[in-house]
Amino acid sequence: MGLEVETGQMVQQAVEKCFTGDVKLGLSILVQCIEAPYIYLAKRLTTMKAPMVQGILVSHCEEDLLCIRVAFLKLTGTSLYTALQSKFKGDYLQALLAICRSED
């Protein structure tokens, strides 16, 4: 599923064809966020960089996190809960797990 411009061309293809540099990158990210926001966020979580993980988990509601967890599981084959346990430790891990809520 994708967004189409008036010409019948997919928006992502139009962005790739018509833009370059930072504008192309920004528009590509915007298209990804619009077409599949949960998949986009799950991909961002795969980096397991602490500030990014914390930002995504803290800034999304329970319903969004459930969808993000499902997308993460489909994308990586590992639950977000398990991935957090393998990357973080101590109180920080416990806080992230409390936000994540449960194993999928």
PDB file of N, CA and C in Angstrom:
ATOM      1  N   MET A   1       0.845  -1.176   0.000  1.00  0.00           N
ATOM      2  CA  MET A   1       0.000   0.000   0.000  1.00  0.00           C
ATOM      3  C   MET A   1       0.884   1.229   0.000  1.00  0.00           C
ATOM      4  N   GLY A   2       0.548   2.206  -0.808  1.00  0.00           N
ATOM      5  CA  GLY A   2       1.330   3.418  -0.848  1.00  0.00           C
ATOM      6  C   GLY A   2       0.490   4.589  -1.330  1.00  0.00           C
ATOM      7  N   LEU A   3       0.997   5.755  -1.083  1.00  0.00           N
ATOM      8  CA  LEU A   3       0.320   6.960  -1.530  1.00  0.00           C
ATOM      9  C   LEU A   3       0.660   7.214  -2.986  1.00  0.00           C
ATOM     10  N   GLU A   4      -0.329   7.695  -3.757  1.00  0.00           N
ATOM     11  CA  GLU A   4      -0.092   7.994  -5.158  1.00  0.00           C
ATOM     12  C   GLU A   4      -0.290   9.478  -5.408  1.00  0.00           C
ATOM     13  N   VAL A   5       0.518  10.032  -6.282  1.00  0.00           N
ATOM     14  CA  VAL A   5       0.319  11.408  -6.718  1.00  0.00           C
ATOM     15  C   VAL A   5      -0.655  11.383  -7.890  1.00  0.00           C
ATOM     16  N   GLU A   6      -1.081  12.546  -8.382  1.00  0.00           N
ATOM     17  CA  GLU A   6      -2.097  12.614  -9.434  1.00  0.00           C
ATOM     18  C   GLU A   6      -1.704  11.844 -10.689  1.00  0.00           C
ATOM     19  N   THR A   7      -0.433  11.686 -10.957  1.00  0.00           N
ATOM     20  CA  THR A   7       0.017  10.997 -12.162  1.00  0.00           C
ATOM     21  C   THR A   7      -0.084   9.480 -12.030  1.00  0.00           C
ATOM     22  N   GLY A   8      -0.456   8.982 -10.861  1.00  0.00           N
ATOM     23  CA  GLY A   8      -0.514   7.547 -10.630  1.00  0.00           C
ATOM     24  C   GLY A   8       0.809   6.996 -10.116  1.00  0.00           C
ATOM     25  N   GLN A   9       1.786   7.863 -10.011  1.00  0.00           N
ATOM     26  CA  GLN A   9       3.111   7.462  -9.524  1.00  0.00           C
ATOM     27  C   GLN A   9       3.079   7.411  -7.996  1.00  0.00           C
ATOM     28  N   MET A  10       3.786   6.463  -7.429  1.00  0.00           N
ATOM     29  CA  MET A  10       3.863   6.370  -5.975  1.00  0.00           C
ATOM     30  C   MET A  10       4.642   7.574  -5.445  1.00  0.00           C
ATOM     31  N   VAL A  11       4.224   8.090  -4.302  1.00  0.00           N
ATOM     32  CA  VAL A  11       4.847   9.283  -3.735  1.00  0.00           C
ATOM     33  C   VAL A  11       6.333   9.032  -3.460  1.00  0.00           C
ATOM     34  N   GLN A  12       6.662   7.871  -2.911  1.00  0.00           N
ATOM     35  CA  GLN A  12       8.070   7.576  -2.614  1.00  0.00           C
ATOM     36  C   GLN A  12       8.908   7.604  -3.892  1.00  0.00           C
ATOM     37  N   GLN A  13       8.370   7.055  -4.968  1.00  0.00           N
ATOM     38  CA  GLN A  13       9.085   7.076  -6.248  1.00  0.00           C
ATOM     39  C   GLN A  13       9.238   8.494  -6.768  1.00  0.00           C
ATOM     40  N   ALA A  14       8.203   9.300  -6.613  1.00  0.00           N
ATOM     41  CA  ALA A  14       8.264  10.694  -7.048  1.00  0.00           C
ATOM     42  C   ALA A  14       9.317  11.463  -6.255  1.00  0.00           C
ATOM     43  N   VAL A  15       9.388  11.212  -4.966  1.00  0.00           N
ATOM     44  CA  VAL A  15      10.395  11.863  -4.120  1.00  0.00           C
ATOM     45  C   VAL A  15      11.786  11.460  -4.594  1.00  0.00           C
ATOM     46  N   GLU A  16      11.990  10.169  -4.829  1.00  0.00           N
ATOM     47  CA  GLU A  16      13.292   9.674  -5.283  1.00  0.00           C
ATOM     48  C   GLU A  16      13.694  10.309  -6.614  1.00  0.00           C
ATOM     49  N   LYS A  17      12.729  10.500  -7.481  1.00  0.00           N
ATOM     50  CA  LYS A  17      12.992  11.000  -8.824  1.00  0.00           C
ATOM     51  C   LYS A  17      13.205  12.518  -8.864  1.00  0.00           C
ATOM     52  N   CYS A  18      12.472  13.241  -8.044  1.00  0.00           N
ATOM     53  CA  CYS A  18      12.418  14.698  -8.187  1.00  0.00           C
ATOM     54  C   CYS A  18      13.280  15.487  -7.211  1.00  0.00           C
ATOM     55  N   PHE A  19      13.791  14.858  -6.173  1.00  0.00           N
ATOM     56  CA  PHE A  19      14.519  15.607  -5.149  1.00  0.00           C
ATOM     57  C   PHE A  19      15.883  14.982  -4.886  1.00  0.00           C
ATOM     58  N   THR A  20      16.759  15.778  -4.268  1.00  0.00           N
ATOM     59  CA  THR A  20      18.086  15.306  -3.885  1.00  0.00           C
ATOM     60  C   THR A  20      18.429  15.817  -2.499  1.00  0.00           C
ATOM     61  N   GLY A  21      19.474  15.252  -1.929  1.00  0.00           N
ATOM     62  CA  GLY A  21      20.043  15.748  -0.675  1.00  0.00           C
ATOM     63  C   GLY A  21      19.123  15.657   0.520  1.00  0.00           C
ATOM     64  N   ASP A  22      19.221  16.668   1.380  1.00  0.00           N
ATOM     65  CA  ASP A  22      18.462  16.691   2.623  1.00  0.00           C
ATOM     66  C   ASP A  22      16.957  16.771   2.397  1.00  0.00           C
ATOM     67  N   VAL A  23      16.545  17.472   1.350  1.00  0.00           N
ATOM     68  CA  VAL A  23      15.112  17.560   1.050  1.00  0.00           C
ATOM     69  C   VAL A  23      14.574  16.168   0.704  1.00  0.00           C
ATOM     70  N   LYS A  24      15.310  15.424  -0.110  1.00  0.00           N
ATOM     71  CA  LYS A  24      14.915  14.060  -0.473  1.00  0.00           C
ATOM     72  C   LYS A  24      14.830  13.186   0.773  1.00  0.00           C
ATOM     73  N   LEU A  25      15.850  13.266   1.633  1.00  0.00           N
ATOM     74  CA  LEU A  25      15.855  12.475   2.865  1.00  0.00           C
ATOM     75  C   LEU A  25      14.670  12.833   3.755  1.00  0.00           C
ATOM     76  N   GLY A  26      14.437  14.114   3.942  1.00  0.00           N
ATOM     77  CA  GLY A  26      13.323  14.556   4.787  1.00  0.00           C
ATOM     78  C   GLY A  26      11.973  14.126   4.250  1.00  0.00           C
ATOM     79  N   LEU A  27      11.779  14.278   2.954  1.00  0.00           N
ATOM     80  CA  LEU A  27      10.507  13.875   2.358  1.00  0.00           C
ATOM     81  C   LEU A  27      10.331  12.359   2.390  1.00  0.00           C
ATOM     82  N   SER A  28      11.410  11.610   2.191  1.00  0.00           N
ATOM     83  CA  SER A  28      11.335  10.148   2.266  1.00  0.00           C
ATOM     84  C   SER A  28      10.913   9.691   3.657  1.00  0.00           C
ATOM     85  N   ILE A  29      11.481  10.303   4.676  1.00  0.00           N
ATOM     86  CA  ILE A  29      11.113   9.975   6.054  1.00  0.00           C
ATOM     87  C   ILE A  29       9.660  10.343   6.316  1.00  0.00           C
ATOM     88  N   LEU A  30       9.237  11.488   5.818  1.00  0.00           N
ATOM     89  CA  LEU A  30       7.856  11.916   5.996  1.00  0.00           C
ATOM     90  C   LEU A  30       6.887  10.930   5.337  1.00  0.00           C
ATOM     91  N   VAL A  31       7.206  10.474   4.139  1.00  0.00           N
ATOM     92  CA  VAL A  31       6.358   9.500   3.448  1.00  0.00           C
ATOM     93  C   VAL A  31       6.292   8.196   4.247  1.00  0.00           C
ATOM     94  N   GLN A  32       7.444   7.730   4.760  1.00  0.00           N
ATOM     95  CA  GLN A  32       7.458   6.511   5.571  1.00  0.00           C
ATOM     96  C   GLN A  32       6.581   6.669   6.810  1.00  0.00           C
ATOM     97  N   CYS A  33       6.672   7.828   7.453  1.00  0.00           N
ATOM     98  CA  CYS A  33       5.885   8.076   8.670  1.00  0.00           C
ATOM     99  C   CYS A  33       4.390   8.103   8.391  1.00  0.00           C
ATOM    100  N   ILE A  34       4.019   8.619   7.232  1.00  0.00           N
ATOM    101  CA  ILE A  34       2.601   8.689   6.874  1.00  0.00           C
ATOM    102  C   ILE A  34       2.073   7.320   6.455  1.00  0.00           C
ATOM    103  N   GLU A  35       2.837   6.606   5.638  1.00  0.00           N
ATOM    104  CA  GLU A  35       2.361   5.327   5.109  1.00  0.00           C
ATOM    105  C   GLU A  35       2.349   4.216   6.150  1.00  0.00           C
ATOM    106  N   ALA A  36       3.363   4.167   7.001  1.00  0.00           N
ATOM    107  CA  ALA A  36       3.472   3.079   7.982  1.00  0.00           C
ATOM    108  C   ALA A  36       4.197   3.577   9.233  1.00  0.00           C
ATOM    109  N   PRO A  37       3.510   4.376  10.051  1.00  0.00           N
ATOM    110  CA  PRO A  37       4.187   4.978  11.205  1.00  0.00           C
ATOM    111  C   PRO A  37       4.739   3.963  12.204  1.00  0.00           C
ATOM    112  N   TYR A  38       4.029   2.881  12.431  1.00  0.00           N
ATOM    113  CA  TYR A  38       4.495   1.908  13.421  1.00  0.00           C
ATOM    114  C   TYR A  38       5.727   1.159  12.928  1.00  0.00           C
ATOM    115  N   ILE A  39       5.758   0.860  11.645  1.00  0.00           N
ATOM    116  CA  ILE A  39       6.934   0.201  11.073  1.00  0.00           C
ATOM    117  C   ILE A  39       8.124   1.148  11.110  1.00  0.00           C
ATOM    118  N   TYR A  40       7.897   2.412  10.795  1.00  0.00           N
ATOM    119  CA  TYR A  40       8.977   3.397  10.846  1.00  0.00           C
ATOM    120  C   TYR A  40       9.565   3.471  12.259  1.00  0.00           C
ATOM    121  N   LEU A  41       8.703   3.551  13.259  1.00  0.00           N
ATOM    122  CA  LEU A  41       9.182   3.639  14.647  1.00  0.00           C
ATOM    123  C   LEU A  41       9.864   2.347  15.082  1.00  0.00           C
ATOM    124  N   ALA A  42       9.347   1.201  14.653  1.00  0.00           N
ATOM    125  CA  ALA A  42       9.984  -0.073  14.986  1.00  0.00           C
ATOM    126  C   ALA A  42      11.389  -0.132  14.395  1.00  0.00           C
ATOM    127  N   LYS A  43      11.548   0.348  13.166  1.00  0.00           N
ATOM    128  CA  LYS A  43      12.880   0.396  12.552  1.00  0.00           C
ATOM    129  C   LYS A  43      13.814   1.288  13.350  1.00  0.00           C
ATOM    130  N   ARG A  44      13.301   2.409  13.828  1.00  0.00           N
ATOM    131  CA  ARG A  44      14.124   3.319  14.640  1.00  0.00           C
ATOM    132  C   ARG A  44      14.542   2.648  15.952  1.00  0.00           C
ATOM    133  N   LEU A  45      13.657   1.842  16.514  1.00  0.00           N
ATOM    134  CA  LEU A  45      13.970   1.144  17.766  1.00  0.00           C
ATOM    135  C   LEU A  45      15.051   0.089  17.585  1.00  0.00           C
ATOM    136  N   THR A  46      15.197  -0.453  16.385  1.00  0.00           N
ATOM    137  CA  THR A  46      16.189  -1.506  16.181  1.00  0.00           C
ATOM    138  C   THR A  46      17.618  -1.019  16.420  1.00  0.00           C
ATOM    139  N   THR A  47      17.837   0.289  16.396  1.00  0.00           N
ATOM    140  CA  THR A  47      19.174   0.819  16.685  1.00  0.00           C
ATOM    141  C   THR A  47      19.546   0.604  18.150  1.00  0.00           C
ATOM    142  N   MET A  48      18.522   0.518  19.004  1.00  0.00           N
ATOM    143  CA  MET A  48      18.693   0.354  20.450  1.00  0.00           C
ATOM    144  C   MET A  48      19.592   1.437  21.059  1.00  0.00           C
ATOM    145  N   LYS A  49      19.550   2.632  20.480  1.00  0.00           N
ATOM    146  CA  LYS A  49      20.250   3.765  21.073  1.00  0.00           C
ATOM    147  C   LYS A  49      19.364   4.303  22.186  1.00  0.00           C
ATOM    148  N   ALA A  50      19.930   4.440  23.364  1.00  0.00           N
ATOM    149  CA  ALA A  50      19.159   4.790  24.559  1.00  0.00           C
ATOM    150  C   ALA A  50      18.267   6.016  24.374  1.00  0.00           C
ATOM    151  N   PRO A  51      18.776   7.144  23.883  1.00  0.00           N
ATOM    152  CA  PRO A  51      17.889   8.309  23.765  1.00  0.00           C
ATOM    153  C   PRO A  51      16.712   8.074  22.814  1.00  0.00           C
ATOM    154  N   MET A  52      16.951   7.344  21.732  1.00  0.00           N
ATOM    155  CA  MET A  52      15.877   7.076  20.776  1.00  0.00           C
ATOM    156  C   MET A  52      14.833   6.141  21.374  1.00  0.00           C
ATOM    157  N   VAL A  53      15.296   5.070  22.012  1.00  0.00           N
ATOM    158  CA  VAL A  53      14.376   4.116  22.638  1.00  0.00           C
ATOM    159  C   VAL A  53      13.539   4.834  23.697  1.00  0.00           C
ATOM    160  N   GLN A  54      14.190   5.591  24.541  1.00  0.00           N
ATOM    161  CA  GLN A  54      13.488   6.324  25.594  1.00  0.00           C
ATOM    162  C   GLN A  54      12.488   7.301  24.996  1.00  0.00           C
ATOM    163  N   GLY A  55      12.886   8.031  23.977  1.00  0.00           N
ATOM    164  CA  GLY A  55      11.997   9.013  23.357  1.00  0.00           C
ATOM    165  C   GLY A  55      10.758   8.377  22.759  1.00  0.00           C
ATOM    166  N   ILE A  56      10.941   7.278  22.053  1.00  0.00           N
ATOM    167  CA  ILE A  56       9.795   6.615  21.420  1.00  0.00           C
ATOM    168  C   ILE A  56       8.874   6.009  22.470  1.00  0.00           C
ATOM    169  N   LEU A  57       9.434   5.324  23.439  1.00  0.00           N
ATOM    170  CA  LEU A  57       8.595   4.676  24.452  1.00  0.00           C
ATOM    171  C   LEU A  57       7.845   5.692  25.307  1.00  0.00           C
ATOM    172  N   VAL A  58       8.506   6.765  25.668  1.00  0.00           N
ATOM    173  CA  VAL A  58       7.885   7.758  26.553  1.00  0.00           C
ATOM    174  C   VAL A  58       6.843   8.600  25.827  1.00  0.00           C
ATOM    175  N   SER A  59       7.043   8.838  24.534  1.00  0.00           N
ATOM    176  CA  SER A  59       6.181   9.786  23.837  1.00  0.00           C
ATOM    177  C   SER A  59       4.962   9.167  23.148  1.00  0.00           C
ATOM    178  N   HIS A  60       4.745   7.869  23.296  1.00  0.00           N
ATOM    179  CA  HIS A  60       3.603   7.235  22.640  1.00  0.00           C
ATOM    180  C   HIS A  60       2.659   6.599  23.652  1.00  0.00           C
ATOM    181  N   CYS A  61       1.372   6.643  23.325  1.00  0.00           N
ATOM    182  CA  CYS A  61       0.356   6.091  24.222  1.00  0.00           C
ATOM    183  C   CYS A  61       0.390   4.561  24.169  1.00  0.00           C
ATOM    184  N   GLU A  62      -0.354   3.941  25.072  1.00  0.00           N
ATOM    185  CA  GLU A  62      -0.368   2.481  25.172  1.00  0.00           C
ATOM    186  C   GLU A  62      -0.795   1.812  23.872  1.00  0.00           C
ATOM    187  N   GLU A  63      -1.804   2.373  23.205  1.00  0.00           N
ATOM    188  CA  GLU A  63      -2.282   1.776  21.965  1.00  0.00           C
ATOM    189  C   GLU A  63      -1.201   1.835  20.885  1.00  0.00           C
ATOM    190  N   ASP A  64      -0.513   2.973  20.785  1.00  0.00           N
ATOM    191  CA  ASP A  64       0.575   3.102  19.818  1.00  0.00           C
ATOM    192  C   ASP A  64       1.692   2.118  20.140  1.00  0.00           C
ATOM    193  N   LEU A  65       2.045   2.007  21.413  1.00  0.00           N
ATOM    194  CA  LEU A  65       3.131   1.110  21.796  1.00  0.00           C
ATOM    195  C   LEU A  65       2.803  -0.337  21.466  1.00  0.00           C
ATOM    196  N   LEU A  66       1.567  -0.719  21.613  1.00  0.00           N
ATOM    197  CA  LEU A  66       1.176  -2.080  21.252  1.00  0.00           C
ATOM    198  C   LEU A  66       1.422  -2.309  19.762  1.00  0.00           C
ATOM    199  N   CYS A  67       1.023  -1.369  18.936  1.00  0.00           N
ATOM    200  CA  CYS A  67       1.240  -1.501  17.487  1.00  0.00           C
ATOM    201  C   CYS A  67       2.722  -1.457  17.138  1.00  0.00           C
ATOM    202  N   ILE A  68       3.478  -0.629  17.830  1.00  0.00           N
ATOM    203  CA  ILE A  68       4.918  -0.546  17.607  1.00  0.00           C
ATOM    204  C   ILE A  68       5.581  -1.860  18.011  1.00  0.00           C
ATOM    205  N   ARG A  69       5.153  -2.437  19.137  1.00  0.00           N
ATOM    206  CA  ARG A  69       5.705  -3.724  19.582  1.00  0.00           C
ATOM    207  C   ARG A  69       5.427  -4.822  18.559  1.00  0.00           C
ATOM    208  N   VAL A  70       4.223  -4.844  18.008  1.00  0.00           N
ATOM    209  CA  VAL A  70       3.866  -5.840  16.999  1.00  0.00           C
ATOM    210  C   VAL A  70       4.739  -5.653  15.753  1.00  0.00           C
ATOM    211  N   ALA A  71       4.913  -4.413  15.320  1.00  0.00           N
ATOM    212  CA  ALA A  71       5.750  -4.130  14.147  1.00  0.00           C
ATOM    213  C   ALA A  71       7.201  -4.518  14.408  1.00  0.00           C
ATOM    214  N   PHE A  72       7.684  -4.260  15.628  1.00  0.00           N
ATOM    215  CA  PHE A  72       9.060  -4.616  15.994  1.00  0.00           C
ATOM    216  C   PHE A  72       9.247  -6.132  15.941  1.00  0.00           C
ATOM    217  N   LEU A  73       8.288  -6.867  16.457  1.00  0.00           N
ATOM    218  CA  LEU A  73       8.348  -8.334  16.447  1.00  0.00           C
ATOM    219  C   LEU A  73       8.366  -8.866  15.014  1.00  0.00           C
ATOM    220  N   LYS A  74       7.508  -8.326  14.154  1.00  0.00           N
ATOM    221  CA  LYS A  74       7.476  -8.760  12.750  1.00  0.00           C
ATOM    222  C   LYS A  74       8.778  -8.406  12.041  1.00  0.00           C
ATOM    223  N   LEU A  75       9.331  -7.254  12.365  1.00  0.00           N
ATOM    224  CA  LEU A  75      10.545  -6.768  11.702  1.00  0.00           C
ATOM    225  C   LEU A  75      11.788  -7.539  12.120  1.00  0.00           C
ATOM    226  N   THR A  76      11.895  -7.845  13.422  1.00  0.00           N
ATOM    227  CA  THR A  76      13.130  -8.432  13.945  1.00  0.00           C
ATOM    228  C   THR A  76      13.015  -9.904  14.324  1.00  0.00           C
ATOM    229  N   GLY A  77      11.802 -10.384  14.544  1.00  0.00           N
ATOM    230  CA  GLY A  77      11.624 -11.756  15.011  1.00  0.00           C
ATOM    231  C   GLY A  77      11.833 -11.896  16.510  1.00  0.00           C
ATOM    232  N   THR A  78      12.078 -10.790  17.180  1.00  0.00           N
ATOM    233  CA  THR A  78      12.282 -10.752  18.631  1.00  0.00           C
ATOM    234  C   THR A  78      11.341  -9.712  19.222  1.00  0.00           C
ATOM    235  N   SER A  79      10.804  -9.998  20.383  1.00  0.00           N
ATOM    236  CA  SER A  79       9.926  -9.013  21.001  1.00  0.00           C
ATOM    237  C   SER A  79      10.744  -7.817  21.484  1.00  0.00           C
ATOM    238  N   LEU A  80      10.116  -6.674  21.534  1.00  0.00           N
ATOM    239  CA  LEU A  80      10.787  -5.468  22.024  1.00  0.00           C
ATOM    240  C   LEU A  80      11.206  -5.664  23.476  1.00  0.00           C
ATOM    241  N   TYR A  81      10.368  -6.312  24.251  1.00  0.00           N
ATOM    242  CA  TYR A  81      10.656  -6.572  25.663  1.00  0.00           C
ATOM    243  C   TYR A  81      11.962  -7.353  25.811  1.00  0.00           C
ATOM    244  N   THR A  82      12.122  -8.401  25.024  1.00  0.00           N
ATOM    245  CA  THR A  82      13.342  -9.218  25.061  1.00  0.00           C
ATOM    246  C   THR A  82      14.547  -8.431  24.557  1.00  0.00           C
ATOM    247  N   ALA A  83      14.350  -7.658  23.493  1.00  0.00           N
ATOM    248  CA  ALA A  83      15.451  -6.858  22.945  1.00  0.00           C
ATOM    249  C   ALA A  83      15.938  -5.840  23.972  1.00  0.00           C
ATOM    250  N   LEU A  84      15.018  -5.240  24.708  1.00  0.00           N
ATOM    251  CA  LEU A  84      15.408  -4.284  25.751  1.00  0.00           C
ATOM    252  C   LEU A  84      16.227  -4.981  26.832  1.00  0.00           C
ATOM    253  N   GLN A  85      15.802  -6.187  27.209  1.00  0.00           N
ATOM    254  CA  GLN A  85      16.511  -6.933  28.249  1.00  0.00           C
ATOM    255  C   GLN A  85      17.933  -7.288  27.835  1.00  0.00           C
ATOM    256  N   SER A  86      18.143  -7.506  26.556  1.00  0.00           N
ATOM    257  CA  SER A  86      19.489  -7.875  26.105  1.00  0.00           C
ATOM    258  C   SER A  86      20.400  -6.665  25.926  1.00  0.00           C
ATOM    259  N   LYS A  87      19.834  -5.465  25.886  1.00  0.00           N
ATOM    260  CA  LYS A  87      20.642  -4.277  25.615  1.00  0.00           C
ATOM    261  C   LYS A  87      20.891  -3.403  26.858  1.00  0.00           C
ATOM    262  N   PHE A  88      19.908  -3.285  27.723  1.00  0.00           N
ATOM    263  CA  PHE A  88      20.002  -2.359  28.854  1.00  0.00           C
ATOM    264  C   PHE A  88      20.079  -3.114  30.172  1.00  0.00           C
ATOM    265  N   LYS A  89      20.470  -2.402  31.226  1.00  0.00           N
ATOM    266  CA  LYS A  89      20.620  -3.014  32.551  1.00  0.00           C
ATOM    267  C   LYS A  89      20.108  -2.087  33.648  1.00  0.00           C
ATOM    268  N   GLY A  90      19.938  -2.658  34.814  1.00  0.00           N
ATOM    269  CA  GLY A  90      19.653  -1.896  36.021  1.00  0.00           C
ATOM    270  C   GLY A  90      18.314  -1.192  36.029  1.00  0.00           C
ATOM    271  N   ASP A  91      18.291  -0.062  36.745  1.00  0.00           N
ATOM    272  CA  ASP A  91      17.055   0.702  36.900  1.00  0.00           C
ATOM    273  C   ASP A  91      16.544   1.244  35.570  1.00  0.00           C
ATOM    274  N   TYR A  92      17.469   1.592  34.680  1.00  0.00           N
ATOM    275  CA  TYR A  92      17.068   2.094  33.365  1.00  0.00           C
ATOM    276  C   TYR A  92      16.282   1.017  32.622  1.00  0.00           C
ATOM    277  N   LEU A  93      16.772  -0.222  32.665  1.00  0.00           N
ATOM    278  CA  LEU A  93      16.068  -1.340  32.044  1.00  0.00           C
ATOM    279  C   LEU A  93      14.690  -1.508  32.666  1.00  0.00           C
ATOM    280  N   GLN A  94      14.617  -1.475  33.979  1.00  0.00           N
ATOM    281  CA  GLN A  94      13.330  -1.653  34.657  1.00  0.00           C
ATOM    282  C   GLN A  94      12.328  -0.573  34.266  1.00  0.00           C
ATOM    283  N   ALA A  95      12.806   0.646  34.107  1.00  0.00           N
ATOM    284  CA  ALA A  95      11.919   1.739  33.693  1.00  0.00           C
ATOM    285  C   ALA A  95      11.411   1.507  32.267  1.00  0.00           C
ATOM    286  N   LEU A  96      12.318   1.112  31.358  1.00  0.00           N
ATOM    287  CA  LEU A  96      11.904   0.839  29.975  1.00  0.00           C
ATOM    288  C   LEU A  96      10.929  -0.330  29.898  1.00  0.00           C
ATOM    289  N   LEU A  97      11.180  -1.377  30.681  1.00  0.00           N
ATOM    290  CA  LEU A  97      10.286  -2.530  30.674  1.00  0.00           C
ATOM    291  C   LEU A  97       8.908  -2.168  31.232  1.00  0.00           C
ATOM    292  N   ALA A  98       8.884  -1.295  32.227  1.00  0.00           N
ATOM    293  CA  ALA A  98       7.606  -0.863  32.792  1.00  0.00           C
ATOM    294  C   ALA A  98       6.793  -0.093  31.751  1.00  0.00           C
ATOM    295  N   ILE A  99       7.476   0.698  30.934  1.00  0.00           N
ATOM    296  CA  ILE A  99       6.781   1.426  29.883  1.00  0.00           C
ATOM    297  C   ILE A  99       6.351   0.472  28.771  1.00  0.00           C
ATOM    298  N   CYS A 100       7.228  -0.429  28.397  1.00  0.00           N
ATOM    299  CA  CYS A 100       6.936  -1.407  27.338  1.00  0.00           C
ATOM    300  C   CYS A 100       5.772  -2.302  27.732  1.00  0.00           C
ATOM    301  N   ARG A 101       5.685  -2.614  28.991  1.00  0.00           N
ATOM    302  CA  ARG A 101       4.576  -3.305  29.652  1.00  0.00           C
ATOM    303  C   ARG A 101       4.618  -4.815  29.645  1.00  0.00           C
ATOM    304  N   SER A 102       4.882  -5.480  28.526  1.00  0.00           N
ATOM    305  CA  SER A 102       4.825  -6.944  28.572  1.00  0.00           C
ATOM    306  C   SER A 102       5.544  -7.569  27.387  1.00  0.00           C
ATOM    307  N   GLU A 103       5.779  -8.830  27.534  1.00  0.00           N
ATOM    308  CA  GLU A 103       6.363  -9.652  26.472  1.00  0.00           C
ATOM    309  C   GLU A 103       5.287  -9.893  25.417  1.00  0.00           C
ATOM    310  N   ASP A 104       5.680  -9.912  24.166  1.00  0.00           N
ATOM    311  CA  ASP A 104       4.707 -10.205  23.090  1.00  0.00           C
ATOM    312  C   ASP A 104       4.771 -11.667  22.704  1.00  0.00           C
TER     313      ASP A 104
END
